[in-house]
Amino acid sequence: MSECVITYDGVPSYSVSIMEFTNGYLVHETPCFANAFVAPEWRTELAEPMPGRDTARA
């Protein structure tokens, strides 16, 4: 599993990839991408902002 932030035209996009390996070789990857967003009010106590993330722009 990997997590990263990819920036296109100055706008961050958050990415998570789940990778499957067999005998040391990558055999399957499932990438997921999302734009920045603020957690809904009902979930704010369970969430924490990513470092360096400006939620005012989200």
C-alpha atoms as a PDB file:
ATOM      1  CA  MET A   1       0.000   0.000   0.000  1.00  0.00           C
ATOM      2  CA  SER A   2       1.243   3.471  -0.787  1.00  0.00           C
ATOM      3  CA  GLU A   3      -0.091   6.963  -0.154  1.00  0.00           C
ATOM      4  CA  CYS A   4       0.969  10.111  -1.970  1.00  0.00           C
ATOM      5  CA  VAL A   5      -0.117  13.558  -3.075  1.00  0.00           C
ATOM      6  CA  ILE A   6       0.062  14.310  -6.783  1.00  0.00           C
ATOM      7  CA  THR A   7      -0.171  17.943  -7.899  1.00  0.00           C
ATOM      8  CA  TYR A   8      -1.663  18.939 -11.260  1.00  0.00           C
ATOM      9  CA  ASP A   9      -1.710  22.659 -12.113  1.00  0.00           C
ATOM     10  CA  GLY A  10      -1.066  23.490  -8.447  1.00  0.00           C
ATOM     11  CA  VAL A  11      -4.069  21.475  -7.168  1.00  0.00           C
ATOM     12  CA  PRO A  12      -3.290  18.478  -4.927  1.00  0.00           C
ATOM     13  CA  SER A  13      -4.932  15.117  -5.579  1.00  0.00           C
ATOM     14  CA  TYR A  14      -4.591  12.424  -2.932  1.00  0.00           C
ATOM     15  CA  SER A  15      -3.758   8.886  -4.014  1.00  0.00           C
ATOM     16  CA  VAL A  16      -3.736   5.474  -2.375  1.00  0.00           C
ATOM     17  CA  SER A  17      -2.499   2.390  -4.246  1.00  0.00           C
ATOM     18  CA  ILE A  18      -3.040  -1.170  -3.106  1.00  0.00           C
ATOM     19  CA  MET A  19      -0.428  -3.429  -4.706  1.00  0.00           C
ATOM     20  CA  GLU A  20      -0.306  -7.209  -4.887  1.00  0.00           C
ATOM     21  CA  PHE A  21       3.011  -9.024  -5.244  1.00  0.00           C
ATOM     22  CA  THR A  22       3.770 -12.620  -6.209  1.00  0.00           C
ATOM     23  CA  ASN A  23       7.320 -13.999  -6.036  1.00  0.00           C
ATOM     24  CA  GLY A  24       8.690 -10.457  -5.697  1.00  0.00           C
ATOM     25  CA  TYR A  25       6.860  -9.131  -8.783  1.00  0.00           C
ATOM     26  CA  LEU A  26       4.046  -6.639  -8.887  1.00  0.00           C
ATOM     27  CA  VAL A  27       1.079  -8.506 -10.364  1.00  0.00           C
ATOM     28  CA  HIS A  28      -1.807  -6.118  -9.681  1.00  0.00           C
ATOM     29  CA  GLU A  29      -2.283  -2.506  -8.603  1.00  0.00           C
ATOM     30  CA  THR A  30      -5.504  -0.743  -7.635  1.00  0.00           C
ATOM     31  CA  PRO A  31      -5.026   3.039  -7.527  1.00  0.00           C
ATOM     32  CA  CYS A  32      -7.622   5.323  -5.918  1.00  0.00           C
ATOM     33  CA  PHE A  33      -7.632   9.122  -6.296  1.00  0.00           C
ATOM     34  CA  ALA A  34      -9.593  11.832  -4.463  1.00  0.00           C
ATOM     35  CA  ASN A  35      -9.690  15.585  -4.299  1.00  0.00           C
ATOM     36  CA  ALA A  36      -9.198  17.257  -0.932  1.00  0.00           C
ATOM     37  CA  PHE A  37     -12.343  17.568   1.184  1.00  0.00           C
ATOM     38  CA  VAL A  38     -13.298  18.507   4.705  1.00  0.00           C
ATOM     39  CA  ALA A  39     -14.720  15.709   6.841  1.00  0.00           C
ATOM     40  CA  PRO A  40     -18.490  15.946   7.402  1.00  0.00           C
ATOM     41  CA  GLU A  41     -19.441  17.481  10.734  1.00  0.00           C
ATOM     42  CA  TRP A  42     -20.620  14.114  12.133  1.00  0.00           C
ATOM     43  CA  ARG A  43     -17.125  12.654  11.516  1.00  0.00           C
ATOM     44  CA  THR A  44     -14.821  15.544  12.495  1.00  0.00           C
ATOM     45  CA  GLU A  45     -13.861  14.054  15.862  1.00  0.00           C
ATOM     46  CA  LEU A  46     -12.634  10.902  14.075  1.00  0.00           C
ATOM     47  CA  ALA A  47     -10.679  12.768  11.384  1.00  0.00           C
ATOM     48  CA  GLU A  48      -7.424  14.657  11.371  1.00  0.00           C
ATOM     49  CA  PRO A  49      -6.155  16.848   8.532  1.00  0.00           C
ATOM     50  CA  MET A  50      -3.219  15.665   6.447  1.00  0.00           C
ATOM     51  CA  PRO A  51      -0.001  17.591   7.164  1.00  0.00           C
ATOM     52  CA  GLY A  52       0.269  20.747   5.077  1.00  0.00           C
ATOM     53  CA  ARG A  53      -3.338  20.535   3.901  1.00  0.00           C
ATOM     54  CA  ASP A  54      -5.317  23.760   3.719  1.00  0.00           C
ATOM     55  CA  THR A  55      -8.946  22.720   4.254  1.00  0.00           C
ATOM     56  CA  ALA A  56     -10.166  26.250   3.533  1.00  0.00           C
ATOM     57  CA  ARG A  57      -9.390  25.610  -0.158  1.00  0.00           C
ATOM     58  CA  ALA A  58     -10.976  22.143  -0.213  1.00  0.00           C
END
